[in-house]
Protein backbone atom coordinates (compact mmCIF):
# COMPACT_ATOMS: atom_id res chain seq x y z
CA MET A 1 -5.84 75.98 301.08
CA SER A 2 -5.40 73.78 304.27
CA LEU A 3 -2.18 71.77 304.84
CA TRP A 4 -4.06 68.44 304.17
CA GLU A 5 -5.69 69.69 300.76
CA TRP A 6 -2.38 70.89 299.78
CA THR A 7 -0.71 67.50 300.50
CA LEU A 8 -3.12 65.72 298.49
CA GLU A 9 -2.85 67.79 295.61
CA ALA A 10 0.92 67.83 295.99
CA TYR A 11 0.98 63.97 295.88
CA GLY A 12 -0.99 64.03 292.66
CA ARG A 13 2.21 65.75 290.99
CA PRO A 14 4.92 63.64 289.04
CA GLY A 15 7.57 62.63 291.06
CA VAL A 16 6.46 63.64 294.59
CA ALA A 17 5.48 60.26 295.83
CA ASP A 18 8.73 58.67 294.79
CA ALA A 19 10.84 61.54 296.12
CA THR A 20 9.05 61.47 299.54
CA LEU A 21 9.26 57.70 299.75
CA SER A 22 13.29 57.76 298.87
CA LEU A 23 13.56 60.53 301.54
CA GLN A 24 11.41 58.55 304.13
CA ASP A 25 12.68 55.06 303.64
CA GLY A 26 16.37 55.85 302.06
CA HIS A 27 17.28 58.54 304.40
CA GLY A 28 15.09 58.23 307.68
CA GLN A 29 13.28 61.72 307.11
CA ASN A 30 9.72 62.47 307.93
CA THR A 31 7.39 63.20 304.73
CA SER A 32 4.93 64.82 306.81
CA LEU A 33 7.25 67.21 308.57
CA LEU A 34 8.94 67.99 305.06
CA LEU A 35 5.74 68.73 303.41
CA TRP A 36 4.62 70.90 306.14
CA ALA A 37 7.73 73.10 306.12
CA VAL A 38 7.47 73.48 302.38
CA TRP A 39 3.63 74.63 302.75
CA ALA A 40 4.47 76.76 305.68
CA GLU A 41 7.08 78.31 303.63
CA GLY A 42 9.86 77.73 306.02
CA PRO A 43 8.37 78.24 309.66
CA ASP A 44 10.24 79.88 312.13
CA ALA A 45 12.70 78.15 314.48
CA ALA A 46 10.55 77.82 317.33
CA ALA A 47 7.71 76.53 315.25
CA LEU A 48 10.23 73.97 313.41
CA ALA A 49 11.43 72.78 316.95
CA ARG A 50 7.96 72.22 318.19
CA ALA A 51 6.99 70.57 314.84
CA VAL A 52 10.12 67.85 315.23
CA GLU A 53 9.15 67.46 318.98
CA ILE A 54 5.42 66.45 317.91
CA THR A 55 6.43 64.63 314.77
CA ARG A 56 9.06 62.32 316.55
CA ALA A 57 6.61 61.26 319.39
CA TRP A 58 3.63 60.70 316.91
CA ASP A 59 6.12 58.86 314.47
CA ALA A 60 7.39 56.54 317.21
CA THR A 61 4.26 55.90 318.80
CA VAL A 62 1.53 55.73 316.07
CA LEU A 63 3.18 55.97 312.55
CA LYS A 64 5.81 53.72 312.55
CA PRO A 65 4.11 50.76 314.19
CA ILE A 66 1.18 51.11 311.77
CA ARG A 67 3.50 51.32 308.90
CA GLN A 68 5.26 48.24 309.90
CA VAL A 69 2.20 46.24 310.26
CA ARG A 70 1.04 47.11 306.97
CA ARG A 71 4.41 46.07 305.54
CA ASP A 72 4.39 43.01 307.34
CA LEU A 73 1.12 41.92 305.82
CA LYS A 74 2.15 42.55 302.38
CA PRO A 75 3.67 38.95 301.70
CA VAL A 76 1.60 35.74 301.87
CA PHE A 77 0.98 34.74 305.43
CA PRO A 78 1.03 30.85 305.94
CA GLY A 79 -2.30 29.75 307.16
CA VAL A 80 -4.32 33.09 306.51
CA ASP A 81 -6.56 33.45 303.64
CA ASP A 82 -4.97 36.14 301.08
CA GLY A 83 -8.29 37.93 300.69
CA ALA A 84 -8.66 38.43 304.39
CA ARG A 85 -4.91 39.46 304.68
CA GLU A 86 -5.19 42.03 301.99
CA GLY A 87 -8.62 43.33 303.43
CA LEU A 88 -6.80 43.83 306.82
CA ARG A 89 -3.74 45.42 305.02
CA ASP A 90 -6.15 47.70 303.31
CA ASP A 91 -7.75 48.69 306.79
CA ILE A 92 -4.38 49.30 307.97
CA LYS A 93 -3.57 51.61 305.29
CA GLY A 94 -6.49 53.65 305.69
CA ALA A 95 -5.43 53.97 309.39
CA GLU A 96 -2.16 54.70 308.38
CA LEU A 97 -3.40 57.77 306.14
CA ARG A 98 -5.63 58.86 309.04
CA ALA A 99 -2.79 59.01 311.35
CA GLU A 100 -0.56 60.89 308.93
CA ARG A 101 -3.80 63.46 308.48
CA VAL A 102 -4.06 63.87 312.45
CA LEU A 103 -0.25 64.81 312.39
CA MET A 104 -0.46 67.19 309.57
CA GLU A 105 -3.59 68.88 311.18
CA ALA A 106 -1.63 69.30 314.30
CA LEU A 107 1.51 70.70 312.47
CA ALA A 108 -0.80 73.22 310.41
CA HIS A 109 -1.58 74.83 313.71
CA LEU A 110 2.00 75.57 314.52
CA ALA A 111 2.78 77.60 311.29
CA GLY A 112 0.07 80.33 312.35
CA HIS A 113 -1.60 82.38 309.60
CA GLU A 114 1.33 84.01 308.17
CA LYS A 115 3.64 81.77 305.78
CA GLY A 116 7.35 82.41 305.85
CA GLY A 117 8.27 83.10 302.25
CA THR A 118 10.96 80.61 302.09
CA PRO A 119 11.43 78.81 298.80
CA ALA A 120 10.62 75.04 298.87
CA LEU A 121 14.39 73.86 298.87
CA ALA A 122 15.36 75.96 301.73
CA ALA A 123 12.47 74.85 303.70
CA LEU A 124 13.17 71.20 303.09
CA ARG A 125 17.03 71.74 304.08
CA ALA A 126 15.85 73.43 307.46
CA ALA A 127 13.38 70.89 308.27
CA SER A 128 15.62 68.02 307.35
CA ALA A 129 18.43 69.44 309.41
CA ALA A 130 16.07 69.87 312.37
CA TRP A 131 14.96 66.26 311.95
CA GLY A 132 18.59 65.24 311.99
CA SER A 133 20.89 63.47 309.77
CA PRO A 134 20.04 65.33 306.55
CA PRO A 135 19.96 63.58 303.06
CA PRO A 136 22.10 64.62 300.37
CA ASP A 137 20.94 67.99 298.93
CA GLU A 138 20.21 66.20 295.52
CA ALA A 139 17.31 64.20 297.14
CA LEU A 140 15.93 67.35 298.67
CA ALA A 141 16.04 69.20 295.27
CA ILE A 142 14.32 66.30 293.56
CA LEU A 143 11.53 66.52 296.00
CA ALA A 144 11.40 70.71 295.68
CA GLY A 145 11.44 70.16 291.97
CA ALA A 146 8.63 67.87 291.76
CA LEU A 147 6.46 70.29 294.07
CA ARG A 148 6.91 73.23 291.72
């Protein structure tokens, strides 16, 4: 199963969306990187370092600006029709989703054909540490549990 297909299936599981949002917004983690690390079952150190490098650049240049525009368009915008604003916001949500998919397709290539066999929580710990400022272990454990 491709990383993208796995991710879509994983997001359908109870608790996954909330856990990833908490790690992203509450702890500064990158959801795509975390999910890739679990899917790859603990990529080797070189692949993980390269994934962090790619993800940081993509996050700063593409994902964060798109996400911020989407969030900025959530409240009423004086002088702009609500329907038009919401329509644009929906378009931007689509662009954000596409940007996440492009990143995940790039990351999928880094894992190679062999998966590492590392359990989800250990893969999350390694990826969050590589990203920097790892969140509390409990937050990672919630995601790992939801991904089972």
